[in-house]
């Protein structure tokens, strides 16, 4: 074998080895999480979701009364927990007037109701499956130890309850006859591997309606 042929085969061997290493790393990002295809009621969208995560079908979803279609998947284990919801809000839905109303509701504190320590990122542009939408993040709080007082018909003040920071990311996409929302939520102490899972869902997202 000539020196040139030897160097050529050596190059192929090295390239193949590097390729195999990269492939393994790609799978390790998701800790061997398997994905399956999900298709919403009436086919408003499809995407990949983690196969072994639990699914919660809210009674308010997937009916023509509330006009909200989609699903919520969640997981909880020793490393943390996460919830991802993917929904289509049709025109005339019972929750939000339109795409702009949804963004306004979640992208900034609610005066008189929000915790002073909540943090909100700027609203940024994003393109998902050719839809030009908006994305933003926030850190809010879950409160533990809230107790209902029947004498005052109210809950114990937040000041006397322990609070736990929760990270949320939103992607909102305007579309014909409504808008789409993909939402990631997990406690701050959870591993950030859930960000990679959410990105996988975003990349696989295929809406029925496009502008």
Protein backbone atom coordinates (compact mmCIF):
# COMPACT_ATOMS: atom_id res chain seq x y z
CA UNK A 1 0.00 0.00 0.00
CA UNK A 2 1.35 3.40 -0.98
CA UNK A 3 1.75 6.22 1.52
CA UNK A 4 -1.10 8.17 -0.14
CA UNK A 5 -3.51 5.20 0.10
CA UNK A 6 -2.53 4.64 3.73
CA UNK A 7 -3.21 8.28 4.61
CA UNK A 8 -6.55 8.13 2.76
CA UNK A 9 -7.76 5.08 4.71
CA UNK A 10 -6.46 6.59 7.96
CA UNK A 11 -8.51 9.73 7.27
CA UNK A 12 -11.65 7.65 6.60
CA UNK A 13 -11.14 5.73 9.84
CA UNK A 14 -10.74 8.92 11.89
CA UNK A 15 -13.77 10.57 10.23
CA UNK A 16 -15.94 7.52 10.92
CA UNK A 17 -14.85 7.40 14.55
CA UNK A 18 -15.62 11.10 15.07
CA UNK A 19 -19.01 10.66 13.39
CA UNK A 20 -19.88 7.78 15.70
CA UNK A 21 -18.87 9.79 18.76
CA UNK A 22 -21.08 12.73 17.67
CA UNK A 23 -24.04 10.41 17.11
CA UNK A 24 -23.72 8.99 20.61
CA UNK A 25 -23.52 12.47 22.12
CA UNK A 26 -26.66 13.52 20.27
CA UNK A 27 -28.61 10.71 21.88
CA UNK A 28 -27.10 11.45 25.29
CA UNK A 29 -28.51 14.98 25.19
CA UNK A 30 -31.95 13.47 25.79
CA UNK A 31 -30.77 10.74 28.19
CA UNK A 32 -32.18 8.12 25.81
CA UNK A 33 -35.62 9.74 25.82
CA UNK A 34 -37.74 8.21 23.05
CA UNK A 35 -40.14 10.37 21.07
CA UNK A 36 -43.41 9.49 19.34
CA UNK A 37 -45.58 11.49 16.96
CA UNK A 38 -48.61 13.29 18.41
CA UNK A 39 -51.47 14.62 16.32
CA UNK A 40 -53.98 16.97 17.92
CA UNK A 41 -57.73 16.59 17.80
CA UNK A 42 -59.03 17.67 14.39
CA UNK A 43 -55.45 17.70 13.11
CA UNK A 44 -54.64 21.30 14.03
CA UNK A 45 -50.97 20.36 14.49
CA UNK A 46 -48.55 17.48 14.93
CA UNK A 47 -45.23 17.17 16.75
CA UNK A 48 -43.00 14.75 18.59
CA UNK A 49 -43.54 14.18 22.33
CA UNK A 50 -41.57 12.05 24.82
CA UNK A 51 -42.95 8.51 24.61
CA UNK A 52 -42.71 7.61 28.30
CA UNK A 53 -43.85 10.91 29.75
CA UNK A 54 -47.35 11.01 31.24
CA UNK A 55 -50.13 12.85 29.41
CA UNK A 56 -52.89 14.89 30.97
CA UNK A 57 -55.99 15.50 28.93
CA UNK A 58 -57.70 18.51 30.47
CA UNK A 59 -61.50 18.31 30.08
CA UNK A 60 -61.40 21.88 28.75
CA UNK A 61 -59.30 20.76 25.77
CA UNK A 62 -60.27 19.23 22.45
CA UNK A 63 -63.89 20.24 22.32
CA UNK A 64 -65.85 22.78 20.32
CA UNK A 65 -67.20 24.42 23.48
CA UNK A 66 -63.92 25.93 24.65
CA UNK A 67 -62.22 25.76 21.22
CA UNK A 68 -58.81 24.82 22.62
CA UNK A 69 -57.07 21.77 21.18
CA UNK A 70 -53.88 20.05 22.29
CA UNK A 71 -52.21 18.16 25.09
CA UNK A 72 -49.94 18.42 28.14
CA UNK A 73 -47.09 16.01 28.86
CA UNK A 74 -45.13 15.82 32.09
CA UNK A 75 -42.46 13.85 33.90
CA UNK A 76 -41.24 13.57 37.47
CA UNK A 77 -38.20 11.64 38.65
CA UNK A 78 -35.24 11.86 41.02
CA UNK A 79 -33.59 14.51 38.82
CA UNK A 80 -36.55 16.85 38.73
CA UNK A 81 -39.81 17.45 36.91
CA UNK A 82 -41.12 19.25 33.84
CA UNK A 83 -44.36 20.00 32.03
CA UNK A 84 -44.77 20.82 28.34
CA UNK A 85 -48.07 21.90 26.84
CA UNK A 86 -48.82 22.30 23.13
CA UNK A 87 -52.14 23.91 22.21
CA UNK A 88 -54.06 25.53 19.39
CA UNK A 89 -56.41 28.33 20.47
CA UNK A 90 -59.08 28.66 17.81
CA UNK A 91 -60.90 31.92 17.17
CA UNK A 92 -63.61 32.41 19.76
CA UNK A 93 -61.87 30.30 22.41
CA UNK A 94 -62.93 30.86 26.02
CA UNK A 95 -59.48 31.89 27.31
CA UNK A 96 -57.84 34.61 25.18
CA UNK A 97 -59.17 37.14 22.70
CA UNK A 98 -56.26 36.67 20.32
CA UNK A 99 -52.52 36.06 19.95
CA UNK A 100 -51.58 39.54 21.24
CA UNK A 101 -53.81 39.12 24.30
CA UNK A 102 -52.03 35.87 25.24
CA UNK A 103 -48.57 37.46 24.98
CA UNK A 104 -49.65 40.48 27.00
CA UNK A 105 -51.03 38.20 29.72
CA UNK A 106 -47.87 36.14 30.25
CA UNK A 107 -44.92 38.30 29.16
CA UNK A 108 -45.04 40.85 32.00
CA UNK A 109 -46.05 41.02 35.67
CA UNK A 110 -49.69 41.45 36.60
CA UNK A 111 -50.01 44.60 38.66
CA UNK A 112 -51.04 43.85 42.23
CA UNK A 113 -50.86 40.07 41.77
CA UNK A 114 -47.32 39.17 40.70
CA UNK A 115 -44.52 38.47 43.18
CA UNK A 116 -41.93 41.26 43.33
CA UNK A 117 -39.14 38.73 42.68
CA UNK A 118 -40.55 37.46 39.38
CA UNK A 119 -38.28 37.95 36.37
CA UNK A 120 -39.28 38.40 32.72
CA UNK A 121 -37.13 38.32 29.60
CA UNK A 122 -37.73 40.60 26.60
CA UNK A 123 -40.15 39.29 23.99
CA UNK A 124 -38.16 38.11 20.96
CA UNK A 125 -38.97 37.06 17.41
CA UNK A 126 -38.89 33.39 16.47
CA UNK A 127 -39.74 31.33 13.39
CA UNK A 128 -41.15 27.82 13.82
CA UNK A 129 -42.24 25.83 10.77
CA UNK A 130 -42.37 29.05 8.70
CA UNK A 131 -44.63 30.80 11.23
CA UNK A 132 -43.22 34.09 12.54
CA UNK A 133 -44.03 34.29 16.23
CA UNK A 134 -42.76 35.44 19.62
CA UNK A 135 -40.85 33.77 22.43
CA UNK A 136 -40.10 34.87 25.98
CA UNK A 137 -39.09 33.43 29.34
CA UNK A 138 -40.00 34.14 32.92
CA UNK A 139 -39.26 32.93 36.44
CA UNK A 140 -42.34 32.80 38.65
CA UNK A 141 -43.07 31.03 41.93
CA UNK A 142 -45.05 28.11 43.27
CA UNK A 143 -46.14 28.55 46.87
CA UNK A 144 -46.04 25.71 49.38
CA UNK A 145 -47.97 25.85 52.62
CA UNK A 146 -50.88 27.97 51.44
CA UNK A 147 -53.87 27.10 53.60
CA UNK A 148 -57.49 27.92 52.89
CA UNK A 149 -59.23 29.82 55.69
CA UNK A 150 -63.00 29.24 55.48
CA UNK A 151 -63.69 32.10 57.88
CA UNK A 152 -62.29 34.64 55.44
CA UNK A 153 -62.85 32.56 52.27
CA UNK A 154 -59.24 33.19 51.27
CA UNK A 155 -55.81 31.60 51.25
CA UNK A 156 -53.02 32.30 53.72
CA UNK A 157 -50.84 35.22 52.65
CA UNK A 158 -47.87 34.49 50.38
CA UNK A 159 -45.65 36.10 53.02
CA UNK A 160 -46.23 33.16 55.37
CA UNK A 161 -45.74 30.45 52.74
CA UNK A 162 -42.53 29.09 51.26
CA UNK A 163 -42.01 29.81 47.58
CA UNK A 164 -40.21 27.81 44.94
CA UNK A 165 -38.88 29.40 41.71
CA UNK A 166 -40.24 27.95 38.48
CA UNK A 167 -38.78 28.58 35.01
CA UNK A 168 -41.15 28.95 32.06
CA UNK A 169 -40.56 29.42 28.35
CA UNK A 170 -43.29 30.35 25.88
CA UNK A 171 -43.47 30.18 22.10
CA UNK A 172 -46.58 31.79 20.59
CA UNK A 173 -47.34 31.53 16.87
CA UNK A 174 -50.13 33.44 15.10
CA UNK A 175 -52.01 31.49 12.45
CA UNK A 176 -55.13 31.56 10.36
CA UNK A 177 -58.20 31.04 12.54
CA UNK A 178 -56.31 31.32 15.85
CA UNK A 179 -52.83 30.84 17.33
CA UNK A 180 -50.51 28.16 18.70
CA UNK A 181 -48.73 28.10 22.06
CA UNK A 182 -45.92 25.79 23.17
CA UNK A 183 -45.00 26.15 26.83
CA UNK A 184 -42.21 24.63 28.93
CA UNK A 185 -42.33 24.71 32.73
CA UNK A 186 -40.00 23.23 35.36
CA UNK A 187 -38.73 24.05 38.88
CA UNK A 188 -35.43 25.90 38.81
CA UNK A 189 -33.70 23.07 40.70
CA UNK A 190 -34.54 20.61 37.90
CA UNK A 191 -31.94 19.73 35.31
CA UNK A 192 -31.82 21.95 32.24
CA UNK A 193 -31.93 18.89 29.96
CA UNK A 194 -35.63 19.71 29.55
CA UNK A 195 -34.64 22.68 27.40
CA UNK A 196 -33.25 20.20 24.85
CA UNK A 197 -36.48 18.18 24.94
CA UNK A 198 -38.48 21.35 24.28
CA UNK A 199 -36.21 22.24 21.35
CA UNK A 200 -36.82 18.78 19.88
CA UNK A 201 -40.57 19.38 20.05
CA UNK A 202 -40.23 22.84 18.47
CA UNK A 203 -38.21 21.48 15.56
CA UNK A 204 -40.77 18.74 14.91
CA UNK A 205 -43.81 21.03 15.18
CA UNK A 206 -46.04 21.07 12.08
CA UNK A 207 -49.09 23.37 12.17
CA UNK A 208 -52.18 22.88 10.04
CA UNK A 209 -52.64 26.61 9.55
CA UNK A 210 -49.94 28.82 8.13
CA UNK A 211 -50.00 32.46 7.18
